[in-house]
Amino acid sequence: MSDVFLNVLPIFVLILTGWLIVRLGYLKPAVGEALGDFVFRVAVPVLLFRTIAEADFKEGSPWPLWVAYFSGVAVTWTIGHLAATLGFGRDARMGVLAGVSSAFANTVFIGLPLVSRLVGEDGIVALSILLSVHLPVMMIAGTVMMERAERQTTGAPGQGIWKLMGGVARNLVRNPLVIGLAFGALFHLLGQPLGGPVKIVVDQLAGVAAPAALVSIGMALDKYGLAGNTGLAAVTSTLKLLVLPGAVFAACHLLGLNDSWTAALVLTSSVPTGVNAWLIANHFNVGHALASSTITLTTALGVVSVSVWAYLLM
């Protein structure tokens, strides 16, 4: 267990480092935002491009992988929604946000570095396959369900499903992660190898993705904190750190995924809640405190829970 903990600990130490850099005033929060933009728009897309371009998809169909992960998401999201609406008496909008906060893992900024460190290249391939659909599925589901909950709660007229889907589609087409995956798939299909100076530049940019991502998420944490709704946030945090990876683990075994892909999916699902929960709360102007508190709690407690999951998997 100590060896596993020592492998997981540096990931959270880098997050803590980023938080301290801002908290102690050594660098301004704007620097963290700029670093986060670089990671999201350049470093991680290049990493995904390289991974898909050079991948050996010997496992065949991606469907078992997608079904395993999103089965766990569906179970956890439903429990989070019911906990908020039935257990805490909140309205449907808070139910949706509780589901998002419980089931939306920080796959890019924490999941990628974790899987890279503990599982290796096979794990990165599995995670890249997941990322090819993760953001579209989660954002479409969250947006559609929140729009429906908004109409149910306030009686306000909806945007219409086609207008809503059009807006989501436009955002996805411009998303750097989607672009990186698409270009990687194109190079893979063409059988175009990476070499020479291009290979060196791609490798160097991809190499900074993991540490820069972790420091940037730590620098961003200072603006969240425990903002309220701590009772419900404790529930969503428990769902995120324990129930989601447990459900994904069970689904992986039922579907017969190999050890590397299982480890990659479970470790990814075990990481703290992603900032997308905050983005959805901000877009619909509801549940900021719940999203903020869940992000903070899962990040603070994640070093222990992720270590436990890594110990069980490795």
Protein backbone atom coordinates (compact mmCIF):
# COMPACT_ATOMS: atom_id res chain seq x y z
CA MET A 1 0.00 0.00 0.00
CA SER A 2 2.85 2.39 0.82
CA ASP A 3 4.32 2.03 -2.69
CA VAL A 4 0.96 2.81 -4.27
CA PHE A 5 0.47 5.80 -1.98
CA LEU A 6 3.91 7.11 -2.93
CA ASN A 7 2.94 6.87 -6.60
CA VAL A 8 -0.36 8.70 -6.06
CA LEU A 9 0.95 11.30 -3.60
CA PRO A 10 3.08 13.30 -6.11
CA ILE A 11 -0.04 13.96 -8.19
CA PHE A 12 -1.79 15.62 -5.27
CA VAL A 13 1.42 17.33 -4.12
CA LEU A 14 1.53 19.08 -7.50
CA ILE A 15 -2.10 20.16 -7.03
CA LEU A 16 -1.25 21.40 -3.53
CA THR A 17 1.77 23.25 -4.95
CA GLY A 18 -0.44 25.08 -7.40
CA TRP A 19 -2.89 25.99 -4.63
CA LEU A 20 -0.10 27.29 -2.37
CA ILE A 21 1.43 29.35 -5.19
CA VAL A 22 -1.80 31.34 -5.45
CA ARG A 23 -2.81 31.17 -1.79
CA LEU A 24 0.51 32.62 -0.62
CA GLY A 25 0.42 35.32 -3.29
CA TYR A 26 3.55 34.15 -5.10
CA LEU A 27 1.70 34.27 -8.42
CA LYS A 28 -1.61 35.83 -9.29
CA PRO A 29 -4.68 33.66 -10.07
CA ALA A 30 -4.59 34.99 -13.63
CA VAL A 31 -1.34 33.07 -14.15
CA GLY A 32 -3.13 29.86 -13.20
CA GLU A 33 -5.91 30.65 -15.64
CA ALA A 34 -3.35 31.21 -18.40
CA LEU A 35 -1.57 27.95 -17.54
CA GLY A 36 -4.90 26.13 -17.54
CA ASP A 37 -5.68 27.55 -20.98
CA PHE A 38 -2.30 26.37 -22.27
CA VAL A 39 -2.90 22.88 -20.90
CA PHE A 40 -6.45 22.67 -22.28
CA ARG A 41 -5.78 24.30 -25.65
CA VAL A 42 -2.27 23.06 -26.46
CA ALA A 43 -0.58 20.47 -24.25
CA VAL A 44 -3.40 17.97 -23.68
CA PRO A 45 -4.73 18.12 -27.28
CA VAL A 46 -1.18 17.37 -28.49
CA LEU A 47 -0.94 14.47 -26.01
CA LEU A 48 -4.27 13.07 -27.22
CA PHE A 49 -3.21 13.55 -30.85
CA ARG A 50 0.03 11.63 -30.28
CA THR A 51 -1.69 8.86 -28.32
CA ILE A 52 -4.35 8.19 -30.96
CA ALA A 53 -1.95 8.64 -33.89
CA GLU A 54 0.49 6.06 -32.50
CA ALA A 55 -1.98 3.75 -30.72
CA ASP A 56 -2.29 0.03 -31.31
CA PHE A 57 -6.00 -0.67 -30.94
CA LYS A 58 -5.53 -4.37 -30.38
CA GLU A 59 -8.54 -4.59 -28.07
CA GLY A 60 -10.96 -4.05 -30.96
CA SER A 61 -14.37 -2.47 -30.36
CA PRO A 62 -14.54 0.51 -27.99
CA TRP A 63 -18.18 -0.21 -27.09
CA PRO A 64 -17.52 -2.41 -24.01
CA LEU A 65 -15.27 0.35 -22.65
CA TRP A 66 -17.89 3.05 -23.20
CA VAL A 67 -20.71 0.91 -21.81
CA ALA A 68 -18.69 0.03 -18.70
CA TYR A 69 -17.85 3.63 -17.87
CA PHE A 70 -21.20 5.22 -18.64
CA SER A 71 -23.10 2.48 -16.80
CA GLY A 72 -21.27 3.62 -13.68
CA VAL A 73 -22.01 7.24 -14.52
CA ALA A 74 -25.73 6.53 -14.96
CA VAL A 75 -25.98 4.73 -11.61
CA THR A 76 -24.07 7.42 -9.72
CA TRP A 77 -25.82 10.35 -11.42
CA THR A 78 -29.24 8.85 -10.57
CA ILE A 79 -28.32 8.34 -6.92
CA GLY A 80 -26.98 11.90 -6.68
CA HIS A 81 -30.14 13.32 -8.26
CA LEU A 82 -32.40 11.36 -5.90
CA ALA A 83 -30.29 12.28 -2.86
CA ALA A 84 -30.73 15.99 -3.64
CA THR A 85 -34.42 15.93 -4.54
CA LEU A 86 -35.78 13.28 -2.16
CA GLY A 87 -33.19 13.28 0.60
CA PHE A 88 -32.53 17.03 0.86
CA GLY A 89 -35.77 18.36 -0.64
CA ARG A 90 -34.06 20.41 -3.35
CA ASP A 91 -35.65 21.26 -6.70
CA ALA A 92 -34.99 19.45 -9.98
CA ARG A 93 -32.23 21.86 -11.03
CA MET A 94 -30.24 21.08 -7.90
CA GLY A 95 -30.93 17.41 -8.53
CA VAL A 96 -29.30 17.65 -11.95
CA LEU A 97 -26.33 19.52 -10.55
CA ALA A 98 -25.93 16.97 -7.76
CA GLY A 99 -25.89 14.23 -10.39
CA VAL A 100 -23.28 16.09 -12.46
CA SER A 101 -21.14 16.78 -9.39
CA SER A 102 -21.30 13.10 -8.41
CA ALA A 103 -20.50 11.66 -11.82
CA PHE A 104 -18.36 14.16 -13.79
CA ALA A 105 -14.72 13.21 -13.19
CA ASN A 106 -11.81 15.52 -13.89
CA THR A 107 -10.66 13.22 -16.68
CA VAL A 108 -8.26 15.65 -18.37
CA PHE A 109 -6.42 17.57 -15.66
CA ILE A 110 -6.15 14.76 -13.09
CA GLY A 111 -7.26 11.55 -14.81
CA LEU A 112 -4.68 11.70 -17.60
CA PRO A 113 -1.65 12.28 -15.30
CA LEU A 114 -2.87 9.58 -12.90
CA VAL A 115 -3.43 6.94 -15.57
CA SER A 116 -0.18 7.84 -17.31
CA ARG A 117 1.78 7.39 -14.08
CA LEU A 118 0.12 4.21 -12.78
CA VAL A 119 -1.05 2.30 -15.87
CA GLY A 120 1.13 3.51 -18.72
CA GLU A 121 0.57 3.65 -22.47
CA ASP A 122 -2.23 1.05 -22.58
CA GLY A 123 -4.10 3.07 -19.99
CA ILE A 124 -3.66 6.29 -21.95
CA VAL A 125 -5.08 4.58 -25.04
CA ALA A 126 -8.13 3.46 -23.05
CA LEU A 127 -8.60 6.92 -21.59
CA SER A 128 -8.24 8.54 -25.02
CA ILE A 129 -10.99 6.28 -26.35
CA LEU A 130 -13.17 7.34 -23.41
CA LEU A 131 -12.37 11.03 -23.93
CA SER A 132 -13.48 10.80 -27.55
CA VAL A 133 -17.08 10.59 -26.32
CA HIS A 134 -16.91 11.62 -22.65
CA LEU A 135 -17.22 15.37 -23.04
CA PRO A 136 -19.99 15.27 -25.67
CA VAL A 137 -22.05 12.71 -23.74
CA MET A 138 -21.68 14.41 -20.35
CA MET A 139 -22.21 17.97 -21.58
CA ILE A 140 -25.20 17.05 -23.74
CA ALA A 141 -26.78 15.04 -20.92
CA GLY A 142 -26.14 17.78 -18.35
CA THR A 143 -27.37 20.59 -20.58
CA VAL A 144 -30.53 18.81 -21.75
CA MET A 145 -31.47 17.66 -18.27
CA MET A 146 -30.80 21.08 -16.76
CA GLU A 147 -32.87 22.76 -19.47
CA ARG A 148 -35.74 20.39 -18.72
CA ALA A 149 -35.38 20.96 -14.97
CA GLU A 150 -35.35 24.73 -15.55
CA ARG A 151 -38.71 24.55 -17.36
CA GLN A 152 -40.12 22.26 -14.68
CA THR A 153 -39.02 24.49 -11.81
CA THR A 154 -39.59 28.01 -13.15
CA GLY A 155 -42.10 27.45 -15.92
CA ALA A 156 -39.85 29.39 -18.29
CA PRO A 157 -40.10 28.52 -22.00
CA GLY A 158 -37.35 26.20 -23.23
CA GLN A 159 -34.90 26.88 -26.01
CA GLY A 160 -36.06 23.97 -28.11
CA ILE A 161 -34.12 20.76 -28.46
CA TRP A 162 -32.61 21.53 -31.88
CA LYS A 163 -31.43 24.98 -30.87
CA LEU A 164 -29.98 23.54 -27.69
CA MET A 165 -28.21 20.72 -29.52
CA GLY A 166 -26.92 23.17 -32.14
CA GLY A 167 -25.26 25.27 -29.44
CA VAL A 168 -23.69 22.21 -27.81
CA ALA A 169 -22.49 20.91 -31.20
CA ARG A 170 -20.85 24.25 -32.06
CA ASN A 171 -19.00 24.26 -28.74
CA LEU A 172 -17.81 20.68 -29.26
CA VAL A 173 -16.56 21.28 -32.80
CA ARG A 174 -14.39 24.12 -31.49
CA ASN A 175 -13.22 22.14 -28.45
CA PRO A 176 -9.41 21.64 -28.55
CA LEU A 177 -9.66 18.13 -27.08
CA VAL A 178 -12.06 17.04 -29.80
CA ILE A 179 -9.79 18.59 -32.44
CA GLY A 180 -6.72 16.81 -31.04
CA LEU A 181 -8.53 13.46 -31.01
CA ALA A 182 -9.87 13.99 -34.54
CA PHE A 183 -6.45 14.81 -36.00
CA GLY A 184 -4.92 11.86 -34.15
CA ALA A 185 -7.57 9.55 -35.63
CA LEU A 186 -6.86 10.96 -39.11
CA PHE A 187 -3.11 10.31 -38.80
CA HIS A 188 -3.83 6.82 -37.47
CA LEU A 189 -6.14 5.98 -40.38
CA LEU A 190 -3.63 7.32 -42.92
CA GLY A 191 -0.84 5.33 -41.30
CA GLN A 192 1.24 8.50 -41.22
CA PRO A 193 4.12 8.04 -38.75
CA LEU A 194 5.44 10.87 -36.64
CA GLY A 195 9.16 11.45 -37.00
CA GLY A 196 11.99 13.95 -37.14
CA PRO A 197 11.63 17.43 -35.62
CA VAL A 198 7.81 17.12 -35.61
CA LYS A 199 8.03 14.06 -33.36
CA ILE A 200 10.41 15.86 -30.98
CA VAL A 201 8.15 18.91 -30.69
CA VAL A 202 5.03 16.78 -30.20
CA ASP A 203 6.75 14.67 -27.52
CA GLN A 204 7.97 17.74 -25.64
CA LEU A 205 4.57 19.44 -25.67
CA ALA A 206 2.86 16.20 -24.63
CA GLY A 207 5.41 15.73 -21.86
CA VAL A 208 4.46 18.94 -20.07
CA ALA A 209 0.72 18.17 -20.17
CA ALA A 210 0.56 16.14 -16.96
CA PRO A 211 2.56 18.32 -14.50
CA ALA A 212 1.20 21.57 -15.93
CA ALA A 213 -2.37 20.27 -15.70
CA LEU A 214 -1.97 19.35 -12.04
CA VAL A 215 -0.38 22.67 -11.05
CA SER A 216 -3.04 24.61 -12.96
CA ILE A 217 -5.95 22.79 -11.30
CA GLY A 218 -4.36 23.54 -7.92
CA MET A 219 -4.07 27.22 -8.81
CA ALA A 220 -7.74 27.24 -9.82
CA LEU A 221 -8.89 25.63 -6.56
CA ASP A 222 -8.43 28.83 -4.58
CA LYS A 223 -11.52 30.36 -6.18
CA TYR A 224 -13.76 27.45 -5.16
CA GLY A 225 -13.46 26.53 -1.48
CA LEU A 226 -16.27 25.31 0.78
CA ALA A 227 -18.99 27.69 -0.32
CA GLY A 228 -22.00 26.05 1.35
CA ASN A 229 -24.37 23.10 0.89
CA THR A 230 -21.80 21.05 2.79
CA GLY A 231 -24.29 18.33 3.79
CA LEU A 232 -25.29 17.59 0.21
CA ALA A 233 -21.70 18.16 -0.94
CA ALA A 234 -20.55 15.45 1.47
CA VAL A 235 -23.01 13.06 -0.20
CA THR A 236 -21.99 13.98 -3.76
CA SER A 237 -18.32 13.72 -2.77
CA THR A 238 -18.86 10.22 -1.36
CA LEU A 239 -20.67 9.21 -4.53
CA LYS A 240 -17.89 10.63 -6.68
CA LEU A 241 -14.96 9.08 -4.81
CA LEU A 242 -16.47 5.71 -3.84
CA VAL A 243 -19.68 4.83 -5.67
CA LEU A 244 -18.72 5.88 -9.20
CA PRO A 245 -15.43 3.93 -9.29
CA GLY A 246 -17.13 0.99 -7.58
CA ALA A 247 -19.88 0.90 -10.21
CA VAL A 248 -17.36 1.25 -13.05
CA PHE A 249 -15.23 -1.52 -11.53
CA ALA A 250 -18.23 -3.87 -11.41
CA ALA A 251 -19.25 -3.03 -14.99
CA CYS A 252 -15.70 -3.62 -16.28
CA HIS A 253 -15.64 -7.09 -14.77
CA LEU A 254 -19.10 -7.97 -16.05
CA LEU A 255 -18.06 -6.92 -19.57
CA GLY A 256 -14.71 -8.71 -19.41
CA LEU A 257 -12.37 -5.74 -19.97
CA ASN A 258 -8.68 -6.49 -19.56
CA ASP A 259 -6.71 -5.39 -16.51
CA SER A 260 -5.12 -2.30 -18.09
CA TRP A 261 -8.38 -0.91 -19.44
CA THR A 262 -10.19 -1.70 -16.19
CA ALA A 263 -7.50 0.05 -14.17
CA ALA A 264 -7.59 3.09 -16.46
CA LEU A 265 -11.38 3.45 -16.28
CA VAL A 266 -11.65 2.89 -12.53
CA LEU A 267 -8.77 5.24 -11.71
CA THR A 268 -10.24 7.89 -14.01
CA SER A 269 -13.65 7.56 -12.36
CA SER A 270 -12.06 7.81 -8.90
CA VAL A 271 -10.49 11.25 -9.40
CA PRO A 272 -12.05 14.46 -8.01
CA THR A 273 -15.01 16.21 -9.59
CA GLY A 274 -14.14 18.26 -12.66
CA VAL A 275 -14.68 21.97 -13.11
CA ASN A 276 -17.41 21.18 -15.64
CA ALA A 277 -19.83 20.93 -12.71
CA TRP A 278 -19.01 24.56 -11.90
CA LEU A 279 -19.37 25.56 -15.55
CA ILE A 280 -22.87 24.07 -15.75
CA ALA A 281 -23.83 25.72 -12.46
CA ASN A 282 -22.51 29.03 -13.74
CA HIS A 283 -24.29 28.72 -17.10
CA PHE A 284 -27.69 28.06 -15.50
CA ASN A 285 -27.01 30.27 -12.45
CA VAL A 286 -27.89 27.58 -9.91
CA GLY A 287 -25.95 25.47 -7.40
CA HIS A 288 -22.63 27.32 -7.42
CA ALA A 289 -22.04 26.46 -3.74
CA LEU A 290 -22.72 22.76 -4.26
CA ALA A 291 -20.39 22.50 -7.27
CA SER A 292 -17.68 24.51 -5.52
CA SER A 293 -17.85 22.51 -2.28
CA THR A 294 -17.86 19.17 -4.11
CA ILE A 295 -14.80 20.10 -6.18
CA THR A 296 -12.94 21.18 -3.05
CA LEU A 297 -13.93 18.20 -0.90
CA THR A 298 -13.18 15.58 -3.55
CA THR A 299 -9.80 17.15 -4.27
CA ALA A 300 -8.90 17.29 -0.58
CA LEU A 301 -9.98 13.70 0.11
CA GLY A 302 -8.94 12.26 -3.24
CA VAL A 303 -5.37 11.48 -2.24
CA VAL A 304 -6.69 8.83 0.19
CA SER A 305 -9.52 7.39 -1.91
CA VAL A 306 -7.50 7.30 -5.13
CA SER A 307 -4.67 5.53 -3.27
CA VAL A 308 -7.11 2.89 -2.06
CA TRP A 309 -8.47 2.29 -5.54
CA ALA A 310 -4.96 2.15 -6.97
CA TYR A 311 -3.98 -0.40 -4.30
CA LEU A 312 -6.96 -2.59 -5.19
CA LEU A 313 -6.19 -2.39 -8.91
CA MET A 314 -2.40 -2.60 -9.10
